[in-house]
Amino acid sequence: MQFKIFAIPAGGSPELEEEMNRFLRSHRVVSVQKKLESNEGSLLWCFCAEYIDGSPNLSSGKTFGQSKRIDYKSVLSAAAVPKENKTVSTAV
């Protein structure tokens, strides 16, 4: 796991916000923690992004955790599914 720290003034900074958003979009982020901190009289939002080294595959259009759904009814034919045995045994 890797960590990246961002400090953004509480009043906002479009440049720093865009830098953080660009980073988050281009990495496999596991979690982000945020905390409002005071530093020499100014308020800062501090973000700690935990991420996996390597970039996501953005060309597929998928988000993380999504997988292709499989329709098992069409995959499994009737012959592949064993029929239920209808015989009943009675013990005496």
N, C-alpha and C. Protein backbone atom coordinates (compact mmCIF):
# COMPACT_ATOMS: atom_id res chain seq x y z
N MET A 1 0.84 -1.18 0.00
CA MET A 1 0.00 0.00 0.00
C MET A 1 0.89 1.25 0.00
N GLN A 2 0.39 2.25 -0.65
CA GLN A 2 1.06 3.54 -0.71
C GLN A 2 0.13 4.59 -0.10
N PHE A 3 0.70 5.71 0.31
CA PHE A 3 -0.09 6.81 0.88
C PHE A 3 0.29 8.11 0.18
N LYS A 4 -0.71 8.96 -0.01
CA LYS A 4 -0.49 10.30 -0.57
C LYS A 4 -1.28 11.27 0.30
N ILE A 5 -0.63 12.34 0.75
CA ILE A 5 -1.24 13.33 1.62
C ILE A 5 -1.51 14.61 0.82
N PHE A 6 -2.70 15.17 1.01
CA PHE A 6 -3.08 16.43 0.39
C PHE A 6 -3.53 17.38 1.49
N ALA A 7 -3.13 18.63 1.43
CA ALA A 7 -3.57 19.68 2.36
C ALA A 7 -4.18 20.80 1.52
N ILE A 8 -5.48 21.04 1.73
CA ILE A 8 -6.20 22.03 0.93
C ILE A 8 -6.81 23.04 1.89
N PRO A 9 -6.61 24.34 1.65
CA PRO A 9 -7.21 25.35 2.53
C PRO A 9 -8.73 25.17 2.62
N ALA A 10 -9.26 25.38 3.84
CA ALA A 10 -10.69 25.18 4.06
C ALA A 10 -11.53 26.10 3.18
N GLY A 11 -11.00 27.25 2.81
CA GLY A 11 -11.71 28.17 1.91
C GLY A 11 -11.75 27.68 0.48
N GLY A 12 -10.97 26.66 0.17
CA GLY A 12 -10.95 26.10 -1.17
C GLY A 12 -9.78 26.58 -1.99
N SER A 13 -9.35 25.75 -2.89
CA SER A 13 -8.30 26.07 -3.85
C SER A 13 -8.55 25.19 -5.08
N PRO A 14 -9.12 25.75 -6.14
CA PRO A 14 -9.45 24.94 -7.32
C PRO A 14 -8.26 24.17 -7.88
N GLU A 15 -7.08 24.76 -7.84
CA GLU A 15 -5.90 24.08 -8.39
C GLU A 15 -5.54 22.84 -7.55
N LEU A 16 -5.51 23.01 -6.22
CA LEU A 16 -5.17 21.89 -5.35
C LEU A 16 -6.27 20.82 -5.36
N GLU A 17 -7.52 21.25 -5.44
CA GLU A 17 -8.63 20.29 -5.51
C GLU A 17 -8.55 19.47 -6.79
N GLU A 18 -8.24 20.13 -7.91
CA GLU A 18 -8.12 19.42 -9.18
C GLU A 18 -6.93 18.46 -9.15
N GLU A 19 -5.83 18.86 -8.53
CA GLU A 19 -4.66 17.97 -8.40
C GLU A 19 -5.04 16.71 -7.64
N MET A 20 -5.76 16.88 -6.52
CA MET A 20 -6.17 15.71 -5.73
C MET A 20 -7.15 14.85 -6.52
N ASN A 21 -8.14 15.46 -7.15
CA ASN A 21 -9.12 14.68 -7.92
C ASN A 21 -8.47 13.94 -9.07
N ARG A 22 -7.52 14.56 -9.73
CA ARG A 22 -6.80 13.91 -10.82
C ARG A 22 -6.03 12.69 -10.29
N PHE A 23 -5.39 12.85 -9.14
CA PHE A 23 -4.67 11.73 -8.52
C PHE A 23 -5.64 10.59 -8.19
N LEU A 24 -6.77 10.93 -7.56
CA LEU A 24 -7.73 9.91 -7.14
C LEU A 24 -8.31 9.16 -8.35
N ARG A 25 -8.53 9.86 -9.44
CA ARG A 25 -9.07 9.22 -10.65
C ARG A 25 -8.04 8.30 -11.31
N SER A 26 -6.78 8.59 -11.14
CA SER A 26 -5.74 7.85 -11.87
C SER A 26 -5.05 6.76 -11.05
N HIS A 27 -5.53 6.50 -9.84
CA HIS A 27 -4.94 5.46 -9.01
C HIS A 27 -6.03 4.55 -8.44
N ARG A 28 -5.62 3.37 -8.03
CA ARG A 28 -6.53 2.42 -7.41
C ARG A 28 -6.61 2.75 -5.91
N VAL A 29 -7.53 3.60 -5.56
CA VAL A 29 -7.66 4.11 -4.19
C VAL A 29 -8.42 3.12 -3.33
N VAL A 30 -7.84 2.79 -2.18
CA VAL A 30 -8.47 1.87 -1.24
C VAL A 30 -9.34 2.65 -0.25
N SER A 31 -8.80 3.76 0.27
CA SER A 31 -9.57 4.57 1.21
C SER A 31 -9.01 6.00 1.23
N VAL A 32 -9.87 6.91 1.68
CA VAL A 32 -9.47 8.30 1.86
C VAL A 32 -9.99 8.74 3.22
N GLN A 33 -9.08 9.28 4.03
CA GLN A 33 -9.46 9.83 5.33
C GLN A 33 -9.29 11.33 5.27
N LYS A 34 -10.20 12.05 5.91
CA LYS A 34 -10.09 13.51 5.90
C LYS A 34 -10.21 14.03 7.32
N LYS A 35 -9.54 15.17 7.55
CA LYS A 35 -9.57 15.80 8.87
C LYS A 35 -9.35 17.29 8.69
N LEU A 36 -10.08 18.09 9.44
CA LEU A 36 -9.92 19.54 9.42
C LEU A 36 -8.89 19.90 10.47
N GLU A 37 -7.79 20.53 10.05
CA GLU A 37 -6.67 20.86 10.93
C GLU A 37 -6.43 22.36 10.94
N SER A 38 -5.90 22.84 12.05
CA SER A 38 -5.50 24.23 12.16
C SER A 38 -3.99 24.29 12.11
N ASN A 39 -3.45 25.14 11.21
CA ASN A 39 -2.02 25.27 11.05
C ASN A 39 -1.67 26.75 11.02
N GLU A 40 -1.07 27.24 12.08
CA GLU A 40 -0.65 28.64 12.19
C GLU A 40 -1.80 29.60 11.88
N GLY A 41 -2.95 29.32 12.46
CA GLY A 41 -4.10 30.21 12.32
C GLY A 41 -4.96 29.98 11.09
N SER A 42 -4.55 29.11 10.19
CA SER A 42 -5.39 28.84 9.02
C SER A 42 -5.94 27.41 9.10
N LEU A 43 -7.12 27.22 8.55
CA LEU A 43 -7.75 25.90 8.54
C LEU A 43 -7.44 25.19 7.24
N LEU A 44 -7.08 23.91 7.35
CA LEU A 44 -6.75 23.08 6.20
C LEU A 44 -7.52 21.78 6.26
N TRP A 45 -8.04 21.35 5.13
CA TRP A 45 -8.54 19.99 5.01
C TRP A 45 -7.35 19.12 4.66
N CYS A 46 -7.09 18.12 5.48
CA CYS A 46 -5.99 17.18 5.22
C CYS A 46 -6.59 15.85 4.79
N PHE A 47 -6.17 15.37 3.65
CA PHE A 47 -6.66 14.12 3.09
C PHE A 47 -5.50 13.14 3.01
N CYS A 48 -5.74 11.92 3.45
CA CYS A 48 -4.77 10.85 3.33
C CYS A 48 -5.39 9.78 2.44
N ALA A 49 -4.82 9.61 1.25
CA ALA A 49 -5.32 8.62 0.30
C ALA A 49 -4.43 7.38 0.37
N GLU A 50 -5.03 6.25 0.65
CA GLU A 50 -4.33 4.97 0.66
C GLU A 50 -4.64 4.30 -0.68
N TYR A 51 -3.61 3.90 -1.40
CA TYR A 51 -3.84 3.35 -2.73
C TYR A 51 -2.89 2.20 -3.03
N ILE A 52 -3.27 1.42 -4.00
CA ILE A 52 -2.46 0.30 -4.48
C ILE A 52 -1.62 0.82 -5.63
N ASP A 53 -0.33 0.49 -5.62
CA ASP A 53 0.57 0.96 -6.67
C ASP A 53 0.12 0.40 -8.01
N GLY A 54 0.08 1.24 -9.00
CA GLY A 54 -0.41 0.87 -10.33
C GLY A 54 -1.64 1.67 -10.65
N SER A 55 -1.89 1.87 -11.91
CA SER A 55 -3.04 2.68 -12.31
C SER A 55 -4.20 1.79 -12.72
N PRO A 56 -5.42 2.29 -12.56
CA PRO A 56 -6.59 1.51 -12.96
C PRO A 56 -6.71 1.48 -14.47
N ASN A 57 -7.46 0.51 -14.96
CA ASN A 57 -7.72 0.42 -16.39
C ASN A 57 -8.95 1.27 -16.69
N LEU A 58 -8.72 2.54 -17.01
CA LEU A 58 -9.83 3.47 -17.24
C LEU A 58 -10.44 3.30 -18.62
N SER A 59 -9.77 2.63 -19.53
CA SER A 59 -10.29 2.50 -20.89
C SER A 59 -11.48 1.55 -20.96
N SER A 60 -11.63 0.66 -19.98
CA SER A 60 -12.73 -0.30 -20.04
C SER A 60 -14.06 0.34 -19.66
N GLY A 61 -14.02 1.48 -18.97
CA GLY A 61 -15.26 2.15 -18.56
C GLY A 61 -15.85 1.55 -17.29
N LYS A 62 -15.23 0.53 -16.75
CA LYS A 62 -15.74 -0.09 -15.54
C LYS A 62 -15.15 0.58 -14.32
N THR A 63 -15.88 0.56 -13.24
CA THR A 63 -15.34 1.03 -11.98
C THR A 63 -14.89 -0.18 -11.18
N PHE A 64 -14.10 0.04 -10.17
CA PHE A 64 -13.57 -1.06 -9.39
C PHE A 64 -14.69 -1.77 -8.66
N GLY A 65 -14.57 -3.08 -8.57
CA GLY A 65 -15.57 -3.86 -7.88
C GLY A 65 -16.68 -4.34 -8.80
N GLN A 66 -16.76 -3.81 -9.99
CA GLN A 66 -17.77 -4.27 -10.94
C GLN A 66 -17.19 -5.41 -11.75
N SER A 67 -18.00 -6.41 -11.97
CA SER A 67 -17.57 -7.48 -12.84
C SER A 67 -18.70 -7.77 -13.81
N LYS A 68 -18.36 -8.42 -14.88
CA LYS A 68 -19.36 -8.75 -15.89
C LYS A 68 -20.33 -9.76 -15.30
N ARG A 69 -21.62 -9.51 -15.46
CA ARG A 69 -22.63 -10.44 -14.96
C ARG A 69 -22.73 -11.63 -15.90
N ILE A 70 -22.94 -12.78 -15.32
CA ILE A 70 -23.06 -14.00 -16.09
C ILE A 70 -24.49 -14.51 -15.96
N ASP A 71 -25.13 -14.76 -17.08
CA ASP A 71 -26.47 -15.34 -17.08
C ASP A 71 -26.31 -16.85 -17.15
N TYR A 72 -26.37 -17.49 -16.00
CA TYR A 72 -26.12 -18.93 -15.94
C TYR A 72 -27.21 -19.74 -16.62
N LYS A 73 -28.41 -19.19 -16.77
CA LYS A 73 -29.46 -19.91 -17.48
C LYS A 73 -29.07 -20.13 -18.93
N SER A 74 -28.41 -19.14 -19.51
CA SER A 74 -28.00 -19.31 -20.91
C SER A 74 -26.69 -20.09 -21.02
N VAL A 75 -25.88 -20.06 -19.98
CA VAL A 75 -24.60 -20.76 -20.03
C VAL A 75 -24.78 -22.26 -19.85
N LEU A 76 -25.61 -22.61 -18.89
CA LEU A 76 -25.82 -24.03 -18.60
C LEU A 76 -27.00 -24.55 -19.40
N SER A 77 -26.77 -25.55 -20.17
CA SER A 77 -27.87 -26.14 -20.93
C SER A 77 -28.64 -27.11 -20.04
N ALA A 78 -29.79 -27.50 -20.46
CA ALA A 78 -30.62 -28.43 -19.68
C ALA A 78 -29.91 -29.76 -19.51
N ALA A 79 -29.12 -30.17 -20.49
CA ALA A 79 -28.41 -31.44 -20.41
C ALA A 79 -27.29 -31.40 -19.36
N ALA A 80 -26.75 -30.24 -19.10
CA ALA A 80 -25.64 -30.12 -18.16
C ALA A 80 -26.12 -30.15 -16.71
N VAL A 81 -27.40 -29.85 -16.50
CA VAL A 81 -27.94 -29.84 -15.14
C VAL A 81 -28.55 -31.20 -14.85
N PRO A 82 -28.07 -31.91 -13.83
CA PRO A 82 -28.63 -33.24 -13.55
C PRO A 82 -30.07 -33.12 -13.08
N LYS A 83 -30.88 -34.06 -13.55
CA LYS A 83 -32.29 -34.07 -13.16
C LYS A 83 -32.39 -34.68 -11.77
N GLU A 84 -33.37 -34.22 -11.04
CA GLU A 84 -33.58 -34.69 -9.68
C GLU A 84 -34.12 -36.11 -9.71
N ASN A 85 -33.60 -36.95 -8.83
CA ASN A 85 -34.05 -38.34 -8.74
C ASN A 85 -35.37 -38.35 -7.98
N LYS A 86 -36.44 -38.85 -8.62
CA LYS A 86 -37.77 -38.82 -8.04
C LYS A 86 -38.10 -40.09 -7.27
N THR A 87 -37.22 -41.08 -7.26
CA THR A 87 -37.53 -42.30 -6.52
C THR A 87 -37.40 -42.07 -5.04
N VAL A 88 -38.34 -42.64 -4.32
CA VAL A 88 -38.35 -42.50 -2.88
C VAL A 88 -38.10 -43.85 -2.26
N SER A 89 -37.13 -43.94 -1.42
CA SER A 89 -36.87 -45.22 -0.77
C SER A 89 -37.58 -45.24 0.56
N THR A 90 -38.15 -46.36 0.86
CA THR A 90 -38.85 -46.49 2.14
C THR A 90 -38.13 -47.56 2.94
N ALA A 91 -37.81 -47.21 4.12
CA ALA A 91 -37.13 -48.17 5.01
C ALA A 91 -38.19 -48.87 5.83
N VAL A 92 -38.02 -50.20 6.02
CA VAL A 92 -39.00 -50.97 6.78
C VAL A 92 -38.45 -51.30 8.13
